[in-house]
PDB file of N, CA and C in Angstrom:
ATOM      1  N   MET A   1      -7.090   7.823 -12.090  1.00  0.00           N
ATOM      2  CA  MET A   1      -5.771   7.519 -11.892  1.00  0.00           C
ATOM      3  C   MET A   1      -4.779   6.864 -12.797  1.00  0.00           C
ATOM      4  N   ARG A   2      -5.432   5.491 -13.032  1.00  0.00           N
ATOM      5  CA  ARG A   2      -4.464   4.539 -13.601  1.00  0.00           C
ATOM      6  C   ARG A   2      -4.261   5.278 -15.469  1.00  0.00           C
ATOM      7  N   PRO A   3      -5.481   6.005 -15.683  1.00  0.00           N
ATOM      8  CA  PRO A   3      -5.149   6.460 -17.452  1.00  0.00           C
ATOM      9  C   PRO A   3      -4.237   7.742 -17.110  1.00  0.00           C
ATOM     10  N   VAL A   4      -3.815   8.447 -16.521  1.00  0.00           N
ATOM     11  CA  VAL A   4      -2.434   8.964 -16.136  1.00  0.00           C
ATOM     12  C   VAL A   4      -1.178   8.964 -16.057  1.00  0.00           C
ATOM     13  N   ILE A   5      -0.959   7.498 -15.180  1.00  0.00           N
ATOM     14  CA  ILE A   5       0.132   7.018 -14.644  1.00  0.00           C
ATOM     15  C   ILE A   5       1.041   7.101 -15.872  1.00  0.00           C
ATOM     16  N   ASP A   6       0.785   6.265 -17.311  1.00  0.00           N
ATOM     17  CA  ASP A   6       1.945   6.277 -18.201  1.00  0.00           C
ATOM     18  C   ASP A   6       2.035   7.820 -18.383  1.00  0.00           C
ATOM     19  N   ALA A   7       1.423   9.144 -18.193  1.00  0.00           N
ATOM     20  CA  ALA A   7       1.529  10.347 -18.493  1.00  0.00           C
ATOM     21  C   ALA A   7       2.723  10.973 -17.710  1.00  0.00           C
ATOM     22  N   PHE A   8       2.440  10.610 -16.283  1.00  0.00           N
ATOM     23  CA  PHE A   8       3.251  10.729 -14.791  1.00  0.00           C
ATOM     24  C   PHE A   8       4.701  10.323 -15.329  1.00  0.00           C
ATOM     25  N   LEU A   9       4.546   9.514 -16.008  1.00  0.00           N
ATOM     26  CA  LEU A   9       6.090   8.661 -15.953  1.00  0.00           C
ATOM     27  C   LEU A   9       7.030   9.676 -16.658  1.00  0.00           C
ATOM     28  N   ASN A  10       6.032   9.566 -18.059  1.00  0.00           N
ATOM     29  CA  ASN A  10       6.826  10.186 -18.902  1.00  0.00           C
ATOM     30  C   ASN A  10       7.157  11.743 -18.995  1.00  0.00           C
ATOM     31  N   ALA A  11       6.445  12.183 -18.145  1.00  0.00           N
ATOM     32  CA  ALA A  11       6.842  13.531 -17.383  1.00  0.00           C
ATOM     33  C   ALA A  11       8.189  13.813 -16.515  1.00  0.00           C
ATOM     34  N   GLY A  12       8.603  12.569 -16.043  1.00  0.00           N
ATOM     35  CA  GLY A  12       9.319  11.915 -15.249  1.00  0.00           C
ATOM     36  C   GLY A  12       9.019  11.958 -13.508  1.00  0.00           C
ATOM     37  N   ILE A  13       7.470  12.049 -13.701  1.00  0.00           N
ATOM     38  CA  ILE A  13       6.997  11.781 -12.017  1.00  0.00           C
ATOM     39  C   ILE A  13       7.528  10.137 -11.883  1.00  0.00           C
ATOM     40  N   ASN A  14       8.132   9.694 -10.516  1.00  0.00           N
ATOM     41  CA  ASN A  14       8.259   8.285 -10.157  1.00  0.00           C
ATOM     42  C   ASN A  14       7.810   7.720  -9.255  1.00  0.00           C
ATOM     43  N   CYS A  15       7.096   8.449  -8.206  1.00  0.00           N
ATOM     44  CA  CYS A  15       6.634   7.509  -7.613  1.00  0.00           C
ATOM     45  C   CYS A  15       4.972   8.320  -7.024  1.00  0.00           C
ATOM     46  N   MET A  16       4.583   7.783  -6.617  1.00  0.00           N
ATOM     47  CA  MET A  16       3.041   7.817  -6.316  1.00  0.00           C
ATOM     48  C   MET A  16       2.617   7.843  -5.114  1.00  0.00           C
ATOM     49  N   HIS A  17       1.448   8.909  -4.432  1.00  0.00           N
ATOM     50  CA  HIS A  17       1.266   8.722  -3.208  1.00  0.00           C
ATOM     51  C   HIS A  17      -0.238   9.821  -3.461  1.00  0.00           C
ATOM     52  N   PRO A  18      -1.536   9.069  -3.148  1.00  0.00           N
ATOM     53  CA  PRO A  18      -1.633   8.079  -2.651  1.00  0.00           C
ATOM     54  C   PRO A  18      -1.998   7.331  -3.696  1.00  0.00           C
ATOM     55  N   MET A  19      -2.249   6.142  -3.126  1.00  0.00           N
ATOM     56  CA  MET A  19      -2.420   4.866  -4.281  1.00  0.00           C
ATOM     57  C   MET A  19      -3.760   3.985  -3.559  1.00  0.00           C
ATOM     58  N   GLU A  20      -4.957   4.765  -3.624  1.00  0.00           N
ATOM     59  CA  GLU A  20      -5.993   4.414  -3.071  1.00  0.00           C
ATOM     60  C   GLU A  20      -6.700   3.018  -3.497  1.00  0.00           C
ATOM     61  N   PRO A  21      -6.933   2.175  -2.457  1.00  0.00           N
ATOM     62  CA  PRO A  21      -7.630   0.748  -3.021  1.00  0.00           C
ATOM     63  C   PRO A  21      -8.787   1.214  -3.377  1.00  0.00           C
ATOM     64  N   ALA A  22      -9.099   1.906  -2.688  1.00  0.00           N
ATOM     65  CA  ALA A  22     -10.871   2.420  -2.504  1.00  0.00           C
ATOM     66  C   ALA A  22     -11.235   3.191  -3.963  1.00  0.00           C
ATOM     67  N   ALA A  23     -10.236   3.850  -4.436  1.00  0.00           N
ATOM     68  CA  ALA A  23     -10.126   4.405  -5.883  1.00  0.00           C
ATOM     69  C   ALA A  23     -10.027   3.154  -7.088  1.00  0.00           C
ATOM     70  N   GLY A  24      -9.819   2.154  -6.636  1.00  0.00           N
ATOM     71  CA  GLY A  24      -9.463   1.056  -7.744  1.00  0.00           C
ATOM     72  C   GLY A  24      -8.247   0.778  -8.331  1.00  0.00           C
ATOM     73  N   LEU A  25      -7.088   1.430  -7.174  1.00  0.00           N
ATOM     74  CA  LEU A  25      -5.939   1.209  -7.472  1.00  0.00           C
ATOM     75  C   LEU A  25      -5.066   0.291  -6.884  1.00  0.00           C
ATOM     76  N   ASP A  26      -4.575  -0.909  -7.415  1.00  0.00           N
ATOM     77  CA  ASP A  26      -4.049  -1.922  -6.433  1.00  0.00           C
ATOM     78  C   ASP A  26      -2.478  -1.784  -6.943  1.00  0.00           C
ATOM     79  N   ILE A  27      -1.872  -1.496  -5.821  1.00  0.00           N
ATOM     80  CA  ILE A  27      -0.557  -1.215  -6.099  1.00  0.00           C
ATOM     81  C   ILE A  27       0.463  -2.244  -6.603  1.00  0.00           C
ATOM     82  N   VAL A  28      -0.017  -3.992  -6.441  1.00  0.00           N
ATOM     83  CA  VAL A  28       0.441  -4.967  -6.925  1.00  0.00           C
ATOM     84  C   VAL A  28       0.560  -4.842  -8.274  1.00  0.00           C
ATOM     85  N   GLU A  29      -0.896  -4.838  -8.475  1.00  0.00           N
ATOM     86  CA  GLU A  29      -1.295  -5.003 -10.018  1.00  0.00           C
ATOM     87  C   GLU A  29      -0.481  -3.753 -10.704  1.00  0.00           C
ATOM     88  N   VAL A  30      -0.538  -2.510 -10.118  1.00  0.00           N
ATOM     89  CA  VAL A  30       0.322  -1.143 -10.758  1.00  0.00           C
ATOM     90  C   VAL A  30       1.539  -1.465 -11.068  1.00  0.00           C
ATOM     91  N   ARG A  31       2.397  -2.390  -9.975  1.00  0.00           N
ATOM     92  CA  ARG A  31       3.528  -2.802  -9.849  1.00  0.00           C
ATOM     93  C   ARG A  31       3.612  -3.796 -11.019  1.00  0.00           C
ATOM     94  N   GLN A  32       2.939  -4.568 -11.051  1.00  0.00           N
ATOM     95  CA  GLN A  32       3.323  -5.361 -12.377  1.00  0.00           C
ATOM     96  C   GLN A  32       3.395  -4.821 -13.556  1.00  0.00           C
ATOM     97  N   LYS A  33       2.638  -3.486 -14.427  1.00  0.00           N
ATOM     98  CA  LYS A  33       2.599  -3.408 -15.106  1.00  0.00           C
ATOM     99  C   LYS A  33       3.791  -2.471 -15.271  1.00  0.00           C
ATOM    100  N   HIS A  34       4.277  -1.465 -14.182  1.00  0.00           N
ATOM    101  CA  HIS A  34       4.849  -0.581 -14.539  1.00  0.00           C
ATOM    102  C   HIS A  34       6.396  -0.885 -14.149  1.00  0.00           C
ATOM    103  N   SER A  35       6.693  -2.202 -13.363  1.00  0.00           N
ATOM    104  CA  SER A  35       7.919  -2.599 -13.139  1.00  0.00           C
ATOM    105  C   SER A  35       8.749  -1.746 -12.247  1.00  0.00           C
ATOM    106  N   ASP A  36      10.095  -1.212 -12.515  1.00  0.00           N
ATOM    107  CA  ASP A  36      10.807  -0.388 -11.779  1.00  0.00           C
ATOM    108  C   ASP A  36      10.469   0.979 -12.343  1.00  0.00           C
ATOM    109  N   ARG A  37       9.584   1.342 -12.834  1.00  0.00           N
ATOM    110  CA  ARG A  37       9.704   2.690 -13.698  1.00  0.00           C
ATOM    111  C   ARG A  37       9.018   3.728 -12.362  1.00  0.00           C
ATOM    112  N   LEU A  38       8.344   3.016 -11.374  1.00  0.00           N
ATOM    113  CA  LEU A  38       7.234   3.959 -10.575  1.00  0.00           C
ATOM    114  C   LEU A  38       7.647   3.249  -9.310  1.00  0.00           C
ATOM    115  N   ALA A  39       7.740   4.076  -8.166  1.00  0.00           N
ATOM    116  CA  ALA A  39       7.712   3.798  -6.713  1.00  0.00           C
ATOM    117  C   ALA A  39       6.718   3.946  -5.885  1.00  0.00           C
ATOM    118  N   PHE A  40       6.373   3.789  -4.941  1.00  0.00           N
ATOM    119  CA  PHE A  40       5.156   3.632  -4.391  1.00  0.00           C
ATOM    120  C   PHE A  40       5.338   4.352  -2.699  1.00  0.00           C
ATOM    121  N   TYR A  41       4.102   5.294  -2.206  1.00  0.00           N
ATOM    122  CA  TYR A  41       4.327   5.792  -0.821  1.00  0.00           C
ATOM    123  C   TYR A  41       2.636   5.260  -0.528  1.00  0.00           C
ATOM    124  N   GLY A  42       2.341   3.981   0.399  1.00  0.00           N
ATOM    125  CA  GLY A  42       1.276   3.821   0.749  1.00  0.00           C
ATOM    126  C   GLY A  42       0.956   2.712  -0.141  1.00  0.00           C
ATOM    127  N   GLY A  43      -0.361   2.349  -0.379  1.00  0.00           N
ATOM    128  CA  GLY A  43      -1.321   2.003  -0.746  1.00  0.00           C
ATOM    129  C   GLY A  43      -2.054   0.314   0.257  1.00  0.00           C
ATOM    130  N   ILE A  44      -1.323   0.484   1.209  1.00  0.00           N
ATOM    131  CA  ILE A  44      -2.485  -0.086   2.159  1.00  0.00           C
ATOM    132  C   ILE A  44      -3.628   0.094   2.691  1.00  0.00           C
ATOM    133  N   ASP A  45      -4.873  -0.230   2.274  1.00  0.00           N
ATOM    134  CA  ASP A  45      -5.848  -0.137   2.695  1.00  0.00           C
ATOM    135  C   ASP A  45      -6.352   0.642   3.958  1.00  0.00           C
ATOM    136  N   LYS A  46      -6.566   1.802   4.167  1.00  0.00           N
ATOM    137  CA  LYS A  46      -6.499   2.638   4.930  1.00  0.00           C
ATOM    138  C   LYS A  46      -7.784   2.221   6.272  1.00  0.00           C
ATOM    139  N   HIS A  47      -8.686   1.743   5.000  1.00  0.00           N
ATOM    140  CA  HIS A  47     -10.498   1.262   5.732  1.00  0.00           C
ATOM    141  C   HIS A  47     -10.240  -0.299   6.715  1.00  0.00           C
ATOM    142  N   VAL A  48      -8.861  -1.130   6.077  1.00  0.00           N
ATOM    143  CA  VAL A  48      -8.966  -2.652   6.644  1.00  0.00           C
ATOM    144  C   VAL A  48      -8.900  -2.082   8.022  1.00  0.00           C
ATOM    145  N   ILE A  49      -7.922  -0.971   8.493  1.00  0.00           N
ATOM    146  CA  ILE A  49      -7.215  -1.331   9.723  1.00  0.00           C
ATOM    147  C   ILE A  49      -8.641  -0.915  10.555  1.00  0.00           C
ATOM    148  N   ARG A  50      -9.698  -0.278  10.391  1.00  0.00           N
ATOM    149  CA  ARG A  50     -10.548  -0.235  11.248  1.00  0.00           C
ATOM    150  C   ARG A  50     -11.512  -0.971  11.405  1.00  0.00           C
ATOM    151  N   GLN A  51     -11.552  -2.265  11.125  1.00  0.00           N
ATOM    152  CA  GLN A  51     -11.781  -3.314  10.848  1.00  0.00           C
ATOM    153  C   GLN A  51     -11.269  -4.707  11.294  1.00  0.00           C
ATOM    154  N   SER A  52     -11.139  -5.822  11.037  1.00  0.00           N
ATOM    155  CA  SER A  52     -10.733  -7.138  11.946  1.00  0.00           C
ATOM    156  C   SER A  52      -9.384  -6.914  11.808  1.00  0.00           C
ATOM    157  N   GLN A  53      -8.816  -7.446  12.711  1.00  0.00           N
ATOM    158  CA  GLN A  53      -7.323  -8.059  12.590  1.00  0.00           C
ATOM    159  C   GLN A  53      -6.923  -8.949  11.835  1.00  0.00           C
ATOM    160  N   ALA A  54      -8.184  -9.949  11.361  1.00  0.00           N
ATOM    161  CA  ALA A  54      -7.926 -10.647  10.397  1.00  0.00           C
ATOM    162  C   ALA A  54      -7.642 -10.421   9.186  1.00  0.00           C
ATOM    163  N   GLY A  55      -8.660  -8.986   8.856  1.00  0.00           N
ATOM    164  CA  GLY A  55      -8.648  -8.316   7.571  1.00  0.00           C
ATOM    165  C   GLY A  55      -7.412  -7.544   7.267  1.00  0.00           C
ATOM    166  N   ILE A  56      -7.028  -6.911   8.430  1.00  0.00           N
ATOM    167  CA  ILE A  56      -5.293  -6.553   8.448  1.00  0.00           C
ATOM    168  C   ILE A  56      -4.507  -7.649   7.871  1.00  0.00           C
ATOM    169  N   VAL A  57      -4.419  -8.724   8.396  1.00  0.00           N
ATOM    170  CA  VAL A  57      -3.350  -9.907   8.123  1.00  0.00           C
ATOM    171  C   VAL A  57      -3.912 -10.229   6.639  1.00  0.00           C
ATOM    172  N   GLU A  58      -4.955 -10.350   6.133  1.00  0.00           N
ATOM    173  CA  GLU A  58      -4.888 -10.431   4.947  1.00  0.00           C
ATOM    174  C   GLU A  58      -4.355  -9.363   3.549  1.00  0.00           C
ATOM    175  N   GLU A  59      -4.762  -8.308   4.118  1.00  0.00           N
ATOM    176  CA  GLU A  59      -4.017  -7.049   3.279  1.00  0.00           C
ATOM    177  C   GLU A  59      -2.716  -6.902   3.260  1.00  0.00           C
ATOM    178  N   LEU A  60      -2.295  -7.155   4.428  1.00  0.00           N
ATOM    179  CA  LEU A  60      -0.834  -6.961   4.290  1.00  0.00           C
ATOM    180  C   LEU A  60      -0.002  -8.218   4.029  1.00  0.00           C
ATOM    181  N   GLU A  61      -0.537  -9.361   3.946  1.00  0.00           N
ATOM    182  CA  GLU A  61      -0.295 -10.471   3.664  1.00  0.00           C
ATOM    183  C   GLU A  61       0.083 -10.543   1.740  1.00  0.00           C
ATOM    184  N   LYS A  62      -1.348  -9.699   1.254  1.00  0.00           N
ATOM    185  CA  LYS A  62      -1.293  -9.686   0.024  1.00  0.00           C
ATOM    186  C   LYS A  62      -0.217  -8.931  -0.669  1.00  0.00           C
ATOM    187  N   LYS A  63      -0.182  -7.783   0.132  1.00  0.00           N
ATOM    188  CA  LYS A  63       0.516  -6.256  -0.670  1.00  0.00           C
ATOM    189  C   LYS A  63       1.848  -6.497  -0.293  1.00  0.00           C
ATOM    190  N   LEU A  64       2.343  -6.742   1.053  1.00  0.00           N
ATOM    191  CA  LEU A  64       4.020  -6.546   1.448  1.00  0.00           C
ATOM    192  C   LEU A  64       4.805  -7.313   0.798  1.00  0.00           C
ATOM    193  N   PRO A  65       4.646  -8.582   0.611  1.00  0.00           N
ATOM    194  CA  PRO A  65       5.622  -9.278  -0.067  1.00  0.00           C
ATOM    195  C   PRO A  65       5.975  -9.542  -1.212  1.00  0.00           C
ATOM    196  N   PRO A  66       5.345  -9.166  -2.155  1.00  0.00           N
ATOM    197  CA  PRO A  66       5.152  -8.839  -3.625  1.00  0.00           C
ATOM    198  C   PRO A  66       5.911  -7.231  -3.683  1.00  0.00           C
ATOM    199  N   MET A  67       5.589  -6.305  -3.007  1.00  0.00           N
ATOM    200  CA  MET A  67       6.053  -5.112  -2.985  1.00  0.00           C
ATOM    201  C   MET A  67       7.185  -4.667  -2.537  1.00  0.00           C
ATOM    202  N   MET A  68       7.697  -5.271  -1.619  1.00  0.00           N
ATOM    203  CA  MET A  68       8.717  -5.438  -0.863  1.00  0.00           C
ATOM    204  C   MET A  68       9.729  -6.074  -1.879  1.00  0.00           C
ATOM    205  N   ALA A  69       9.557  -7.445  -2.371  1.00  0.00           N
ATOM    206  CA  ALA A  69      10.638  -8.503  -3.012  1.00  0.00           C
ATOM    207  C   ALA A  69      11.026  -7.441  -4.078  1.00  0.00           C
ATOM    208  N   SER A  70      10.064  -6.629  -5.001  1.00  0.00           N
ATOM    209  CA  SER A  70      10.523  -5.509  -6.096  1.00  0.00           C
ATOM    210  C   SER A  70      10.986  -4.114  -5.740  1.00  0.00           C
ATOM    211  N   GLY A  71      10.982  -3.773  -4.458  1.00  0.00           N
ATOM    212  CA  GLY A  71      11.681  -2.442  -4.150  1.00  0.00           C
ATOM    213  C   GLY A  71      10.896  -1.512  -4.435  1.00  0.00           C
ATOM    214  N   GLY A  72      11.230  -0.025  -4.199  1.00  0.00           N
ATOM    215  CA  GLY A  72      10.629   0.996  -4.463  1.00  0.00           C
ATOM    216  C   GLY A  72       9.068   1.029  -3.843  1.00  0.00           C
ATOM    217  N   CYS A  73       9.186   0.839  -2.928  1.00  0.00           N
ATOM    218  CA  CYS A  73       8.005   0.786  -1.669  1.00  0.00           C
ATOM    219  C   CYS A  73       8.348   1.665  -0.415  1.00  0.00           C
ATOM    220  N   VAL A  74       7.525   2.398   0.203  1.00  0.00           N
ATOM    221  CA  VAL A  74       7.467   2.899   1.381  1.00  0.00           C
ATOM    222  C   VAL A  74       6.189   2.085   1.994  1.00  0.00           C
ATOM    223  N   LEU A  75       6.091   1.943   3.480  1.00  0.00           N
ATOM    224  CA  LEU A  75       5.484   1.028   3.962  1.00  0.00           C
ATOM    225  C   LEU A  75       4.382   2.159   4.279  1.00  0.00           C
ATOM    226  N   ALA A  76       3.048   2.135   4.187  1.00  0.00           N
ATOM    227  CA  ALA A  76       2.605   3.306   4.597  1.00  0.00           C
ATOM    228  C   ALA A  76       0.747   3.062   4.331  1.00  0.00           C
ATOM    229  N   LEU A  77      -0.190   3.508   4.869  1.00  0.00           N
ATOM    230  CA  LEU A  77      -1.242   3.290   4.953  1.00  0.00           C
ATOM    231  C   LEU A  77      -1.401   4.469   3.456  1.00  0.00           C
ATOM    232  N   ASP A  78      -2.826   4.140   2.483  1.00  0.00           N
ATOM    233  CA  ASP A  78      -2.905   4.964   1.592  1.00  0.00           C
ATOM    234  C   ASP A  78      -3.408   6.277   1.751  1.00  0.00           C
ATOM    235  N   HIS A  79      -3.686   6.701   2.969  1.00  0.00           N
ATOM    236  CA  HIS A  79      -3.848   8.166   3.017  1.00  0.00           C
ATOM    237  C   HIS A  79      -3.573   8.288   5.008  1.00  0.00           C
ATOM    238  N   ARG A  80      -4.656   8.950   5.449  1.00  0.00           N
ATOM    239  CA  ARG A  80      -4.029   9.246   6.987  1.00  0.00           C
ATOM    240  C   ARG A  80      -4.653   8.070   7.644  1.00  0.00           C
ATOM    241  N   ILE A  81      -4.525   7.917   8.973  1.00  0.00           N
ATOM    242  CA  ILE A  81      -5.496   7.037   9.563  1.00  0.00           C
ATOM    243  C   ILE A  81      -6.577   7.349   9.503  1.00  0.00           C
ATOM    244  N   PRO A  82      -7.783   6.539   9.229  1.00  0.00           N
ATOM    245  CA  PRO A  82      -9.098   7.249   9.427  1.00  0.00           C
ATOM    246  C   PRO A  82      -9.626   7.463  11.200  1.00  0.00           C
ATOM    247  N   ASN A  83     -10.628   8.376  11.092  1.00  0.00           N
ATOM    248  CA  ASN A  83     -11.307   8.335  12.564  1.00  0.00           C
ATOM    249  C   ASN A  83     -12.091   7.191  12.522  1.00  0.00           C
ATOM    250  N   GLY A  84     -12.052   7.032  14.009  1.00  0.00           N
ATOM    251  CA  GLY A  84     -12.660   5.816  14.464  1.00  0.00           C
ATOM    252  C   GLY A  84     -11.737   4.344  14.350  1.00  0.00           C
ATOM    253  N   THR A  85     -10.779   4.666  13.854  1.00  0.00           N
ATOM    254  CA  THR A  85      -9.657   3.262  14.215  1.00  0.00           C
ATOM    255  C   THR A  85      -9.133   3.277  15.558  1.00  0.00           C
ATOM    256  N   SER A  86      -9.194   1.586  16.183  1.00  0.00           N
ATOM    257  CA  SER A  86      -8.812   1.814  17.499  1.00  0.00           C
ATOM    258  C   SER A  86      -7.637   1.550  17.635  1.00  0.00           C
ATOM    259  N   LEU A  87      -7.158   2.013  18.575  1.00  0.00           N
ATOM    260  CA  LEU A  87      -5.454   2.066  18.879  1.00  0.00           C
ATOM    261  C   LEU A  87      -4.752   0.742  18.992  1.00  0.00           C
ATOM    262  N   GLU A  88      -5.646  -0.326  19.143  1.00  0.00           N
ATOM    263  CA  GLU A  88      -5.137  -1.652  19.364  1.00  0.00           C
ATOM    264  C   GLU A  88      -5.335  -2.051  17.755  1.00  0.00           C
ATOM    265  N   ASN A  89      -6.034  -1.741  16.803  1.00  0.00           N
ATOM    266  CA  ASN A  89      -6.132  -2.443  15.707  1.00  0.00           C
ATOM    267  C   ASN A  89      -4.757  -1.480  15.079  1.00  0.00           C
ATOM    268  N   TYR A  90      -4.479  -0.366  15.445  1.00  0.00           N
ATOM    269  CA  TYR A  90      -3.338   0.450  14.763  1.00  0.00           C
ATOM    270  C   TYR A  90      -2.069  -0.144  15.305  1.00  0.00           C
ATOM    271  N   ARG A  91      -1.999  -0.330  16.258  1.00  0.00           N
ATOM    272  CA  ARG A  91      -0.524  -1.060  17.053  1.00  0.00           C
ATOM    273  C   ARG A  91      -0.533  -2.806  16.060  1.00  0.00           C
ATOM    274  N   PHE A  92      -1.257  -3.200  15.862  1.00  0.00           N
ATOM    275  CA  PHE A  92      -1.534  -4.729  15.416  1.00  0.00           C
ATOM    276  C   PHE A  92      -0.947  -4.495  14.067  1.00  0.00           C
ATOM    277  N   TYR A  93      -1.431  -3.573  13.651  1.00  0.00           N
ATOM    278  CA  TYR A  93      -1.393  -3.141  11.851  1.00  0.00           C
ATOM    279  C   TYR A  93       0.472  -2.764  12.044  1.00  0.00           C
ATOM    280  N   LEU A  94       0.492  -2.251  12.910  1.00  0.00           N
ATOM    281  CA  LEU A  94       2.342  -1.805  12.912  1.00  0.00           C
ATOM    282  C   LEU A  94       3.029  -3.100  13.213  1.00  0.00           C
ATOM    283  N   GLN A  95       2.632  -3.810  14.391  1.00  0.00           N
ATOM    284  CA  GLN A  95       3.436  -5.153  14.365  1.00  0.00           C
ATOM    285  C   GLN A  95       3.260  -6.220  13.263  1.00  0.00           C
ATOM    286  N   LYS A  96       2.186  -6.709  12.988  1.00  0.00           N
ATOM    287  CA  LYS A  96       2.359  -7.251  11.713  1.00  0.00           C
ATOM    288  C   LYS A  96       3.086  -7.067  10.729  1.00  0.00           C
ATOM    289  N   SER A  97       2.930  -5.642  10.416  1.00  0.00           N
ATOM    290  CA  SER A  97       3.749  -5.421   9.342  1.00  0.00           C
ATOM    291  C   SER A  97       5.176  -5.565   9.763  1.00  0.00           C
ATOM    292  N   TRP A  98       5.672  -5.576  10.714  1.00  0.00           N
ATOM    293  CA  TRP A  98       6.996  -5.539  10.860  1.00  0.00           C
ATOM    294  C   TRP A  98       7.044  -7.276  10.971  1.00  0.00           C
ATOM    295  N   GLU A  99       6.681  -7.762  11.457  1.00  0.00           N
ATOM    296  CA  GLU A  99       6.521  -9.636  11.424  1.00  0.00           C
ATOM    297  C   GLU A  99       6.893  -9.623   9.878  1.00  0.00           C
ATOM    298  N   ILE A 100       6.035  -9.458   8.914  1.00  0.00           N
ATOM    299  CA  ILE A 100       5.832  -9.885   7.642  1.00  0.00           C
ATOM    300  C   ILE A 100       7.285  -9.434   7.025  1.00  0.00           C
ATOM    301  N   LEU A 101       7.806  -8.239   7.253  1.00  0.00           N
ATOM    302  CA  LEU A 101       8.630  -7.774   6.960  1.00  0.00           C
ATOM    303  C   LEU A 101      10.228  -7.879   6.827  1.00  0.00           C
ATOM    304  N   GLU A 102      10.081  -8.822   8.409  1.00  0.00           N
ATOM    305  CA  GLU A 102      11.186  -9.288   8.823  1.00  0.00           C
ATOM    306  C   GLU A 102      11.450 -11.111   8.313  1.00  0.00           C
ATOM    307  N   SER A 103      10.143 -11.309   7.874  1.00  0.00           N
ATOM    308  CA  SER A 103      10.625 -12.698   7.445  1.00  0.00           C
ATOM    309  C   SER A 103      10.938 -13.345   6.553  1.00  0.00           C
TER     310      SER A 103
END
């Protein structure tokens, strides 16, 4: 995906979804390269919410502050909620996201 981002921008596409970390795409890194030319929908690793709450916190604290500070970002997972995600972890992801966004 990374090799075609410039072509997308030149064609007038200015928002990307999904931005999947499993495919090697890091929204913070892509944001640094393309600054205000590209908006993002998603980019939070969907696999993390199936794992530990500590992993959820790490993922959110790494990505949310720089992305929200630069604007052009819709908070969302990089894809649909994966099978096997506990309701407890999903609720924790939502709660922690709001805590970070409101701080």
